[in-house]
Amino acid sequence: MSDILIIYWNNNIFQNIKINIRISPYQLGAWRLMLFFKPLSVCEAFINDLNETLKILGGNKLSNCQKLWLSICITAIIVTNSVCWERFSRACFGAVKSNNLSKMFRRSLISWDKLLYASVTRIFKYYDITKGVLALDDTDNKRSKKTKRIHQAHKIKDKSSGGFVNGQELIFLLLITDKITIPVGFAFYSPDPDYTAWRKKDKELRKALVLKSQRPPKPIPNSKYPSKLEVAIKLIQDFKTNHSNITIQAILADALYGASNFVIPVINIYPGVQIISQAKCTQKVKYRNKYITVKEYFEQNKGVPAKIKIRGGIEKDVSMHGARLYLKSHKAKRFIIALKYEEEEKYRYLLGVDLTWRLTDIATAYSLRWLVEVFIFDWKSYEGWCQLAKQPDCDGSCRGVILSLLIDHCLLLHPEQKAMINNKLPALTVGSLRDQERAKAVLESVEELLKSDNPQLVIDALRLNIAEIVPLRQSSKHMSGRELGRLEPTPSLRYYAA
């Protein structure tokens, strides 16, 4: 009998568990193990609370099997830093097979559309969050060159090399509060292929000095491929619909979202709310009855030294100046600010919609947008989806991101994190919390082994299954088992050398 079944999860719905092992490199001080016997307690508590909130919101109640599956997945993402069923199976000693995990992911009747909504609602309720600042930003994730089934993979600009790579683009919506920063929504973005092809062709014809009348017309927008601005507007509208009880103090975004076709629809969603973004230096403002660029205006009106507090922390010396000017592209007055930090050479230009705010308040509020960058760094580094996620199609990508974001929410409700935030102390980093839970998973695995009725039987089972779970593979680096080829001179060909 090659497989040995051992009963050791006494408090679980599963009784017979097939033990497998995977030893895989990951660095946590001296630890180099990546394993767990059962879901982490913090993950089980998070899923139980999430289930209660789902029932209140009208989503499908999670069954015991679904709760266990979600607990295993969240634990496995923390331990392996990936969304990969094979890694999950190996890390949990084969307690759950990879094909069973995949089937649950694909076929289970979990209310995926309400899972993230319920998790956000639960965190709002626990921390008594009633107001905050919404912040938008987009990021990308590189993929391989051929991705026929990866959702909305397309050619993207590689900032590190300056070239182009194949990848996915996501837009995130975060809520920044006086206690926590939490992701509340996301969406994938892909450009319209017809528009991309037209723009490329139009650029070539422009270089060839072809008249506009002789160039192909701009294609009609395709509703299947909304622009980034349209995607961002929908994210904000969905947040307003789902969390109408949350008071929004300001909405922050970068220069891409400073266009009028973003600002005006958002004003209609949140009337009277301050919207702050970066303005382009080439945008025209009205000054002394004529239109000049933003850059030209602030060259005539130099900034003055000032101090602003960055994200509630240290004060920084800056040079800034602002004015309430008529912005031609918006057809309305906006608060335009020129801001330069002490170590910078060039000014950046900010745009505020609400003219009743002070100049320093707008500049201070915009500094909060950096927190989105911190979240994206943490998400890419510690929450699995950007490390290894091969789930194909729309459902695969969207559900994978939801599982990944649930890690962020789970760690926000970590006992250590709750203690720090409730006592108004600096919150703990995602990386440190994840590393602590990975260490706990190893210790709990050893504890389960020692608590078993027959530890030697467990060890024997692990030893027998190592060959199955960690199979030996043939190397292409060595020539053993292959012919190296004839590597010697031929006597009859010596005259060529002469």
Protein backbone atom coordinates (compact mmCIF):
# COMPACT_ATOMS: atom_id res chain seq x y z
CA MET A 1 0.00 0.00 0.00
CA SER A 2 1.71 3.15 -1.22
CA ASP A 3 -0.59 5.68 0.50
CA ILE A 4 -0.98 5.81 4.27
CA LEU A 5 -4.06 7.55 5.69
CA ILE A 6 -3.68 9.17 9.08
CA ILE A 7 -6.35 10.80 11.26
CA TYR A 8 -4.96 13.91 12.90
CA TRP A 9 -7.35 16.83 12.22
CA ASN A 10 -9.69 15.97 15.08
CA ASN A 11 -11.46 19.35 15.00
CA ASN A 12 -12.02 19.30 11.24
CA ILE A 13 -14.78 18.05 8.98
CA PHE A 14 -12.24 15.86 7.18
CA GLN A 15 -11.23 12.68 8.96
CA ASN A 16 -8.91 10.81 6.60
CA ILE A 17 -6.05 12.96 5.37
CA LYS A 18 -3.36 11.79 2.96
CA ILE A 19 -0.05 13.24 4.17
CA ASN A 20 2.39 14.68 1.67
CA ILE A 21 5.32 17.02 2.10
CA ARG A 22 7.07 19.74 0.21
CA ILE A 23 10.29 21.37 1.33
CA SER A 24 10.77 24.54 -0.65
CA PRO A 25 13.15 27.48 -0.23
CA TYR A 26 11.91 30.67 1.35
CA GLN A 27 13.81 32.94 3.65
CA LEU A 28 12.58 33.84 7.10
CA GLY A 29 15.69 34.15 9.20
CA ALA A 30 16.98 30.61 9.66
CA TRP A 31 13.69 29.02 8.52
CA ARG A 32 13.63 27.51 5.04
CA LEU A 33 10.38 25.51 5.29
CA MET A 34 7.11 26.26 3.55
CA LEU A 35 4.38 24.05 5.03
CA PHE A 36 1.23 23.84 7.11
CA PHE A 37 -0.90 21.03 8.50
CA LYS A 38 -4.13 23.00 8.89
CA PRO A 39 -5.50 26.50 8.21
CA LEU A 40 -4.14 29.24 10.43
CA SER A 41 -6.45 30.26 13.26
CA VAL A 42 -6.45 33.91 12.12
CA CYS A 43 -7.66 32.78 8.67
CA GLU A 44 -10.42 30.54 10.09
CA ALA A 45 -11.67 33.37 12.33
CA PHE A 46 -11.64 35.80 9.39
CA ILE A 47 -13.68 33.44 7.15
CA ASN A 48 -16.21 32.75 9.93
CA ASP A 49 -16.76 36.50 10.42
CA LEU A 50 -16.93 36.97 6.64
CA ASN A 51 -19.64 34.30 6.42
CA GLU A 52 -21.77 36.10 9.03
CA THR A 53 -21.48 39.37 7.08
CA LEU A 54 -22.34 37.57 3.81
CA LYS A 55 -25.59 36.29 5.32
CA ILE A 56 -26.54 39.82 6.41
CA LEU A 57 -25.84 41.23 2.92
CA GLY A 58 -27.88 38.55 1.16
CA GLY A 59 -25.06 36.53 -0.36
CA ASN A 60 -24.91 32.76 -0.46
CA LYS A 61 -24.13 31.33 2.97
CA LEU A 62 -20.79 29.54 2.97
CA SER A 63 -20.97 25.81 3.61
CA ASN A 64 -18.50 24.12 5.95
CA CYS A 65 -16.60 22.84 2.93
CA GLN A 66 -16.46 26.32 1.35
CA LYS A 67 -15.29 27.90 4.61
CA LEU A 68 -12.55 25.30 4.92
CA TRP A 69 -11.55 25.79 1.29
CA LEU A 70 -11.29 29.57 1.68
CA SER A 71 -9.33 29.17 4.93
CA ILE A 72 -6.92 26.78 3.22
CA CYS A 73 -6.48 29.12 0.23
CA ILE A 74 -5.80 32.21 2.37
CA THR A 75 -3.39 30.26 4.57
CA ALA A 76 -1.65 28.82 1.51
CA ILE A 77 -1.26 32.26 -0.12
CA ILE A 78 0.33 33.56 3.09
CA VAL A 79 2.66 30.54 3.26
CA THR A 80 3.58 30.18 -0.43
CA ASN A 81 3.14 33.79 -1.61
CA SER A 82 1.41 32.54 -4.77
CA VAL A 83 -1.99 31.56 -6.14
CA CYS A 84 -1.03 28.11 -7.42
CA TRP A 85 -2.97 24.94 -6.64
CA GLU A 86 0.06 22.67 -6.98
CA ARG A 87 2.00 24.75 -4.48
CA PHE A 88 -1.00 24.77 -2.15
CA SER A 89 -1.27 20.99 -2.29
CA ARG A 90 2.40 20.46 -1.58
CA ALA A 91 2.55 23.06 1.17
CA CYS A 92 -0.34 21.41 3.06
CA PHE A 93 1.27 17.96 2.75
CA GLY A 94 -1.24 16.83 0.15
CA ALA A 95 -4.15 17.14 2.61
CA VAL A 96 -6.08 18.60 -0.33
CA LYS A 97 -5.33 17.71 -3.94
CA SER A 98 -4.66 20.47 -6.44
CA ASN A 99 -7.46 19.33 -8.78
CA ASN A 100 -9.96 19.51 -5.91
CA LEU A 101 -8.83 23.02 -5.05
CA SER A 102 -9.21 24.01 -8.70
CA LYS A 103 -12.70 22.51 -8.95
CA MET A 104 -13.84 24.46 -5.90
CA PHE A 105 -12.38 27.63 -7.42
CA ARG A 106 -14.22 27.08 -10.71
CA ARG A 107 -17.49 25.39 -9.76
CA SER A 108 -18.30 26.33 -6.19
CA LEU A 109 -21.40 28.50 -5.72
CA ILE A 110 -19.57 31.10 -3.66
CA SER A 111 -20.95 34.64 -4.02
CA TRP A 112 -17.73 35.99 -5.52
CA ASP A 113 -19.39 39.28 -6.47
CA LYS A 114 -20.19 39.96 -2.80
CA LEU A 115 -17.14 38.41 -1.15
CA LEU A 116 -14.95 41.52 -1.30
CA TYR A 117 -17.94 43.77 -0.52
CA ALA A 118 -18.72 41.73 2.61
CA SER A 119 -15.10 41.78 3.72
CA VAL A 120 -14.89 45.57 3.35
CA THR A 121 -18.18 45.99 5.22
CA ARG A 122 -16.91 43.80 8.05
CA ILE A 123 -13.75 45.89 8.46
CA PHE A 124 -15.72 49.16 8.35
CA LYS A 125 -17.96 47.86 11.13
CA TYR A 126 -15.13 46.61 13.33
CA TYR A 127 -13.06 49.80 13.13
CA ASP A 128 -16.16 52.04 13.17
CA ILE A 129 -15.17 53.76 9.94
CA THR A 130 -17.60 56.48 8.82
CA LYS A 131 -15.46 58.73 6.62
CA GLY A 132 -12.32 58.71 4.53
CA VAL A 133 -10.50 59.70 1.36
CA LEU A 134 -10.80 57.70 -1.87
CA ALA A 135 -7.63 57.23 -3.90
CA LEU A 136 -7.23 55.79 -7.41
CA ASP A 137 -4.21 54.32 -9.11
CA ASP A 138 -3.39 51.74 -11.76
CA THR A 139 -0.64 49.14 -11.96
CA ASP A 140 0.43 46.30 -14.23
CA ASN A 141 1.62 42.71 -13.94
CA LYS A 142 3.98 41.17 -16.49
CA ARG A 143 2.97 37.94 -18.19
CA SER A 144 4.66 35.59 -20.65
CA LYS A 145 4.70 36.40 -24.37
CA LYS A 146 1.92 33.95 -25.28
CA THR A 147 -1.17 34.26 -23.08
CA LYS A 148 -4.19 33.13 -25.06
CA ARG A 149 -6.38 32.54 -22.01
CA ILE A 150 -5.09 35.12 -19.53
CA HIS A 151 -7.81 37.73 -19.02
CA GLN A 152 -7.23 41.03 -20.88
CA ALA A 153 -3.49 40.50 -21.36
CA HIS A 154 -2.07 43.03 -23.81
CA LYS A 155 1.05 44.99 -24.69
CA ILE A 156 2.03 47.39 -21.91
CA LYS A 157 4.84 49.88 -21.43
CA ASP A 158 7.70 48.50 -19.32
CA LYS A 159 8.86 51.37 -17.11
CA SER A 160 12.11 49.64 -16.14
CA SER A 161 13.39 49.04 -19.68
CA GLY A 162 11.41 51.60 -21.68
CA GLY A 163 10.20 48.88 -24.05
CA PHE A 164 6.97 46.90 -24.23
CA VAL A 165 5.97 43.62 -22.57
CA ASN A 166 2.84 41.47 -22.42
CA GLY A 167 0.84 41.88 -19.22
CA GLN A 168 -2.35 42.80 -17.40
CA GLU A 169 -3.39 46.21 -16.10
CA LEU A 170 -5.51 46.77 -13.00
CA ILE A 171 -7.09 49.86 -11.48
CA PHE A 172 -7.44 49.95 -7.68
CA LEU A 173 -9.70 52.02 -5.49
CA LEU A 174 -8.57 52.50 -1.88
CA LEU A 175 -10.15 54.17 1.12
CA ILE A 176 -7.70 56.07 3.31
CA THR A 177 -8.94 56.72 6.84
CA ASP A 178 -7.44 58.01 10.07
CA LYS A 179 -6.96 54.37 11.15
CA ILE A 180 -6.30 52.14 8.13
CA THR A 181 -5.84 52.12 4.36
CA ILE A 182 -7.99 49.45 2.75
CA PRO A 183 -8.54 48.29 -0.86
CA VAL A 184 -12.26 48.58 -1.61
CA GLY A 185 -12.44 47.82 -5.33
CA PHE A 186 -10.52 46.82 -8.42
CA ALA A 187 -11.06 46.28 -12.15
CA PHE A 188 -9.04 45.06 -15.11
CA TYR A 189 -8.35 47.37 -18.03
CA SER A 190 -7.59 46.55 -21.64
CA PRO A 191 -7.39 49.03 -24.55
CA ASP A 192 -9.68 48.72 -27.55
CA PRO A 193 -7.65 46.79 -30.17
CA ASP A 194 -9.40 48.63 -33.04
CA TYR A 195 -8.54 52.00 -31.53
CA THR A 196 -4.93 50.89 -30.87
CA ALA A 197 -4.51 49.78 -34.48
CA TRP A 198 -6.08 53.04 -35.76
CA ARG A 199 -3.82 55.19 -33.56
CA LYS A 200 -0.71 53.35 -34.76
CA LYS A 201 -1.75 53.76 -38.40
CA ASP A 202 -2.73 57.39 -37.91
CA LYS A 203 0.66 58.16 -36.37
CA GLU A 204 2.43 56.68 -39.39
CA LEU A 205 0.27 58.69 -41.80
CA ARG A 206 0.89 61.89 -39.85
CA LYS A 207 4.63 61.37 -40.18
CA ALA A 208 4.11 60.87 -43.91
CA LEU A 209 2.28 64.27 -43.97
CA VAL A 210 -1.00 62.73 -45.12
CA LEU A 211 -3.93 65.13 -44.84
CA LYS A 212 -6.54 64.44 -42.16
CA SER A 213 -9.27 64.11 -44.79
CA GLN A 214 -7.31 61.28 -46.39
CA ARG A 215 -6.60 59.42 -43.14
CA PRO A 216 -9.01 56.75 -41.76
CA PRO A 217 -11.59 58.14 -39.31
CA LYS A 218 -11.36 57.43 -35.61
CA PRO A 219 -13.24 54.18 -34.76
CA ILE A 220 -16.44 54.29 -32.71
CA PRO A 221 -15.76 53.47 -29.01
CA ASN A 222 -16.45 49.84 -28.16
CA SER A 223 -18.43 49.30 -24.94
CA LYS A 224 -16.54 46.03 -24.38
CA TYR A 225 -13.35 48.05 -23.89
CA PRO A 226 -14.08 51.01 -21.58
CA SER A 227 -11.35 53.58 -21.07
CA LYS A 228 -9.42 53.87 -17.82
CA LEU A 229 -11.49 56.92 -16.91
CA GLU A 230 -14.74 55.01 -17.44
CA VAL A 231 -13.46 52.06 -15.39
CA ALA A 232 -12.45 54.42 -12.55
CA ILE A 233 -15.82 56.20 -12.61
CA LYS A 234 -17.62 52.84 -12.32
CA LEU A 235 -15.44 51.85 -9.35
CA ILE A 236 -16.39 55.08 -7.56
CA GLN A 237 -20.07 54.64 -8.45
CA ASP A 238 -20.05 51.05 -7.14
CA PHE A 239 -18.46 52.20 -3.89
CA LYS A 240 -21.11 54.90 -3.49
CA THR A 241 -23.86 52.31 -4.12
CA ASN A 242 -22.44 49.70 -1.73
CA HIS A 243 -21.23 52.04 1.03
CA SER A 244 -23.53 55.03 0.93
CA ASN A 245 -23.09 55.51 4.70
CA ILE A 246 -19.39 56.39 4.30
CA THR A 247 -18.71 60.13 4.04
CA ILE A 248 -16.07 60.89 1.40
CA GLN A 249 -13.89 63.87 2.27
CA ALA A 250 -11.80 63.95 -0.94
CA ILE A 251 -10.96 61.90 -4.03
CA LEU A 252 -7.30 61.65 -5.11
CA ALA A 253 -5.91 60.59 -8.49
CA ASP A 254 -2.87 61.21 -10.69
CA ALA A 255 -2.59 63.30 -13.86
CA LEU A 256 -4.42 60.78 -16.05
CA TYR A 257 -7.63 61.42 -14.10
CA GLY A 258 -7.43 65.19 -14.24
CA ALA A 259 -9.47 65.30 -17.46
CA SER A 260 -12.92 66.90 -17.49
CA ASN A 261 -14.60 63.67 -18.64
CA PHE A 262 -13.51 62.13 -15.33
CA VAL A 263 -13.90 65.06 -12.97
CA ILE A 264 -17.42 66.10 -14.04
CA PRO A 265 -19.02 62.60 -13.75
CA VAL A 266 -17.39 62.15 -10.31
CA ILE A 267 -18.77 65.53 -9.20
CA ASN A 268 -22.23 64.19 -10.13
CA ILE A 269 -21.62 61.05 -8.02
CA TYR A 270 -20.24 62.94 -5.01
CA PRO A 271 -21.51 66.55 -5.20
CA GLY A 272 -19.48 68.98 -3.13
CA VAL A 273 -16.57 66.59 -2.55
CA GLN A 274 -13.05 67.82 -3.20
CA ILE A 275 -11.35 66.12 -6.18
CA ILE A 276 -7.58 66.51 -6.38
CA SER A 277 -5.40 65.37 -9.24
CA GLN A 278 -2.31 66.51 -11.07
CA ALA A 279 -2.74 69.07 -13.86
CA LYS A 280 -0.67 68.97 -17.02
CA CYS A 281 1.72 71.85 -17.55
CA THR A 282 0.29 72.34 -21.06
CA GLN A 283 -3.31 72.89 -19.93
CA LYS A 284 -4.60 76.39 -20.66
CA VAL A 285 -5.82 78.82 -17.98
CA LYS A 286 -7.35 82.26 -18.42
CA TYR A 287 -5.13 85.08 -17.19
CA ARG A 288 -5.65 88.76 -17.97
CA ASN A 289 -8.24 87.96 -20.64
CA LYS A 290 -6.01 85.57 -22.57
CA TYR A 291 -5.21 81.87 -22.40
CA ILE A 292 -1.73 80.73 -21.36
CA THR A 293 -0.40 77.38 -20.20
CA VAL A 294 -0.23 76.46 -16.52
CA LYS A 295 3.56 76.43 -16.75
CA GLU A 296 3.65 79.92 -18.25
CA TYR A 297 1.37 81.27 -15.52
CA PHE A 298 3.57 80.01 -12.68
CA GLU A 299 6.72 81.22 -14.42
CA GLN A 300 5.23 84.69 -14.06
CA ASN A 301 4.00 84.01 -10.51
CA LYS A 302 6.81 82.31 -8.61
CA GLY A 303 6.27 80.00 -5.67
CA VAL A 304 7.05 81.07 -2.10
CA PRO A 305 8.73 79.00 0.68
CA ALA A 306 6.33 77.15 2.97
CA LYS A 307 6.04 74.08 5.20
CA ILE A 308 3.49 71.29 4.83
CA LYS A 309 2.97 68.16 6.93
CA ILE A 310 3.37 64.99 4.88
CA ARG A 311 0.81 62.27 5.70
CA GLY A 312 0.43 63.48 9.27
CA GLY A 313 4.16 62.99 9.91
CA ILE A 314 7.16 65.25 9.50
CA GLU A 315 6.99 68.74 8.04
CA LYS A 316 8.79 69.39 4.78
CA ASP A 317 10.06 72.60 3.23
CA VAL A 318 8.37 73.29 -0.09
CA SER A 319 7.98 76.05 -2.60
CA MET A 320 4.39 76.55 -3.71
CA HIS A 321 1.91 78.98 -5.10
CA GLY A 322 -1.75 78.65 -6.08
CA ALA A 323 -4.56 80.55 -7.74
CA ARG A 324 -8.21 80.01 -8.59
CA LEU A 325 -8.16 80.15 -12.37
CA TYR A 326 -10.54 79.40 -15.21
CA LEU A 327 -9.38 76.09 -16.75
CA LYS A 328 -10.21 75.98 -20.44
CA SER A 329 -10.51 72.18 -20.79
CA HIS A 330 -12.91 71.97 -17.80
CA LYS A 331 -14.85 75.12 -18.75
CA ALA A 332 -14.87 76.03 -15.06
CA LYS A 333 -12.74 77.61 -12.34
CA ARG A 334 -10.29 75.30 -10.59
CA PHE A 335 -7.74 75.76 -7.83
CA ILE A 336 -4.37 75.31 -9.61
CA ILE A 337 -1.29 74.81 -7.41
CA ALA A 338 2.41 74.72 -8.28
CA LEU A 339 4.32 72.60 -5.77
CA LYS A 340 8.02 71.73 -5.50
CA TYR A 341 9.72 69.86 -2.67
CA GLU A 342 13.12 71.01 -1.41
CA GLU A 343 15.04 68.22 -3.18
CA GLU A 344 13.19 68.63 -6.50
CA GLU A 345 14.13 70.83 -9.46
CA LYS A 346 10.81 71.04 -11.33
CA TYR A 347 7.36 72.03 -10.17
CA ARG A 348 4.39 69.68 -10.24
CA TYR A 349 0.93 71.13 -10.74
CA LEU A 350 -2.15 70.13 -8.74
CA LEU A 351 -5.79 70.66 -9.57
CA GLY A 352 -8.54 71.07 -6.97
CA VAL A 353 -12.26 71.27 -7.71
CA ASP A 354 -13.55 72.75 -4.44
CA LEU A 355 -12.40 76.39 -4.35
CA THR A 356 -13.20 76.78 -0.62
CA TRP A 357 -10.20 74.67 0.45
CA ARG A 358 -6.95 76.32 1.50
CA LEU A 359 -3.84 75.90 -0.64
CA THR A 360 -1.91 74.06 2.11
CA ASP A 361 -4.85 71.72 2.79
CA ILE A 362 -4.98 70.62 -0.85
CA ALA A 363 -1.21 70.03 -0.97
CA THR A 364 -1.31 68.07 2.32
CA ALA A 365 -4.28 65.97 1.18
CA TYR A 366 -2.59 65.06 -2.11
CA SER A 367 0.41 63.67 -0.22
CA LEU A 368 -1.91 60.86 0.97
CA ARG A 369 -1.91 59.45 -2.57
CA TRP A 370 1.52 57.95 -1.86
CA LEU A 371 -0.24 55.41 0.39
CA VAL A 372 -1.68 53.81 -2.75
CA GLU A 373 1.86 53.19 -3.97
CA VAL A 374 2.68 51.52 -0.65
CA PHE A 375 -0.38 49.28 -0.93
CA ILE A 376 0.51 48.24 -4.48
CA PHE A 377 4.07 47.43 -3.39
CA ASP A 378 2.77 45.28 -0.49
CA TRP A 379 0.19 43.59 -2.73
CA LYS A 380 2.77 42.69 -5.36
CA SER A 381 5.37 41.57 -2.83
CA TYR A 382 3.41 39.67 -0.19
CA GLU A 383 -0.09 38.77 -1.37
CA GLY A 384 0.60 36.16 -4.00
CA TRP A 385 -1.26 37.13 -7.15
CA CYS A 386 1.63 38.89 -8.89
CA GLN A 387 4.13 36.18 -7.93
CA LEU A 388 2.44 33.16 -9.50
CA ALA A 389 -1.18 33.05 -10.67
CA LYS A 390 -1.99 30.96 -13.73
CA GLN A 391 -5.79 30.85 -13.48
CA PRO A 392 -7.14 31.49 -17.00
CA ASP A 393 -10.12 33.48 -18.30
CA CYS A 394 -12.04 36.31 -16.63
CA ASP A 395 -13.23 34.27 -13.64
CA GLY A 396 -9.74 32.95 -12.99
CA SER A 397 -8.12 36.39 -12.89
CA CYS A 398 -10.89 38.20 -10.98
CA ARG A 399 -11.34 35.49 -8.36
CA GLY A 400 -7.58 35.20 -7.96
CA VAL A 401 -7.31 38.93 -7.23
CA ILE A 402 -10.21 38.70 -4.75
CA LEU A 403 -8.44 35.90 -2.86
CA SER A 404 -5.28 38.00 -2.87
CA LEU A 405 -7.05 41.10 -1.51
CA LEU A 406 -8.69 39.01 1.20
CA ILE A 407 -5.15 38.46 2.53
CA ASP A 408 -4.84 42.22 3.02
CA HIS A 409 -8.21 42.32 4.80
CA CYS A 410 -7.38 39.27 6.91
CA LEU A 411 -4.16 40.86 8.16
CA LEU A 412 -6.04 44.09 8.96
CA LEU A 413 -8.09 41.97 11.40
CA HIS A 414 -5.04 40.19 12.79
CA PRO A 415 -5.10 40.29 16.63
CA GLU A 416 -1.74 42.09 16.79
CA GLN A 417 -2.88 44.61 14.19
CA LYS A 418 -6.19 45.25 15.94
CA ALA A 419 -4.42 45.84 19.24
CA MET A 420 -2.09 48.41 17.70
CA ILE A 421 -4.80 50.31 15.82
CA ASN A 422 -7.30 50.28 18.69
CA ASN A 423 -4.64 51.75 20.98
CA LYS A 424 -3.82 54.44 18.39
CA LEU A 425 -0.32 53.10 17.82
CA PRO A 426 1.42 52.79 14.41
CA ALA A 427 0.01 49.84 12.46
CA LEU A 428 2.15 46.82 11.62
CA THR A 429 3.45 46.11 8.11
CA VAL A 430 1.95 43.43 5.88
CA GLY A 431 5.37 41.81 5.43
CA SER A 432 6.04 41.42 9.16
CA LEU A 433 2.56 40.02 9.87
CA ARG A 434 2.86 37.57 6.99
CA ASP A 435 6.30 36.40 8.11
CA GLN A 436 4.99 35.83 11.64
CA GLU A 437 2.08 33.76 10.35
CA ARG A 438 4.40 31.71 8.13
CA ALA A 439 6.52 30.91 11.17
CA LYS A 440 3.38 30.00 13.13
CA ALA A 441 2.31 27.65 10.34
CA VAL A 442 5.61 25.77 10.65
CA LEU A 443 5.37 25.62 14.44
CA GLU A 444 1.75 24.45 14.33
CA SER A 445 2.76 21.74 11.87
CA VAL A 446 5.42 20.48 14.27
CA GLU A 447 2.94 20.71 17.15
CA GLU A 448 0.36 18.65 15.25
CA LEU A 449 3.03 16.06 14.51
CA LEU A 450 3.98 15.77 18.18
CA LYS A 451 0.34 15.63 19.29
CA SER A 452 -0.51 12.73 16.98
CA ASP A 453 -1.02 9.31 18.61
CA ASN A 454 1.81 7.79 16.61
CA PRO A 455 4.34 10.41 15.41
CA GLN A 456 6.53 7.75 13.84
CA LEU A 457 3.67 6.65 11.63
CA VAL A 458 3.28 10.22 10.38
CA ILE A 459 7.00 10.48 9.67
CA ASP A 460 6.95 7.17 7.79
CA ALA A 461 4.03 8.42 5.70
CA LEU A 462 5.92 11.61 4.84
CA ARG A 463 8.96 9.61 3.85
CA LEU A 464 6.92 7.33 1.57
CA ASN A 465 5.20 10.21 -0.18
CA ILE A 466 8.23 12.43 -0.80
CA ALA A 467 8.90 10.73 -4.14
CA GLU A 468 5.32 11.37 -5.27
CA ILE A 469 5.02 14.98 -4.16
CA VAL A 470 8.58 16.04 -5.00
CA PRO A 471 9.35 13.91 -8.09
CA LEU A 472 12.86 13.81 -9.49
CA ARG A 473 13.08 15.32 -12.97
CA GLN A 474 15.55 14.75 -15.77
CA SER A 475 18.09 17.51 -16.28
CA SER A 476 18.92 18.96 -19.69
CA LYS A 477 22.14 20.44 -18.32
CA HIS A 478 24.03 17.13 -18.21
CA MET A 479 24.79 14.82 -21.17
CA SER A 480 24.36 11.59 -19.22
CA GLY A 481 22.15 9.21 -21.21
CA ARG A 482 22.71 11.11 -24.47
CA GLU A 483 25.37 11.07 -27.15
CA LEU A 484 27.90 13.85 -26.98
CA GLY A 485 28.76 13.45 -30.67
CA ARG A 486 32.01 12.68 -32.47
CA LEU A 487 34.57 15.19 -31.29
CA GLU A 488 37.82 14.22 -33.13
CA PRO A 489 39.53 14.94 -36.45
CA THR A 490 38.97 12.80 -39.58
CA PRO A 491 42.28 11.48 -41.11
CA SER A 492 41.02 11.59 -44.69
CA LEU A 493 40.38 15.31 -44.38
CA ARG A 494 43.93 16.27 -43.36
CA TYR A 495 44.72 17.66 -46.80
CA TYR A 496 42.27 20.52 -46.10
CA ALA A 497 44.47 21.58 -43.24
CA ALA A 498 47.56 21.46 -45.51
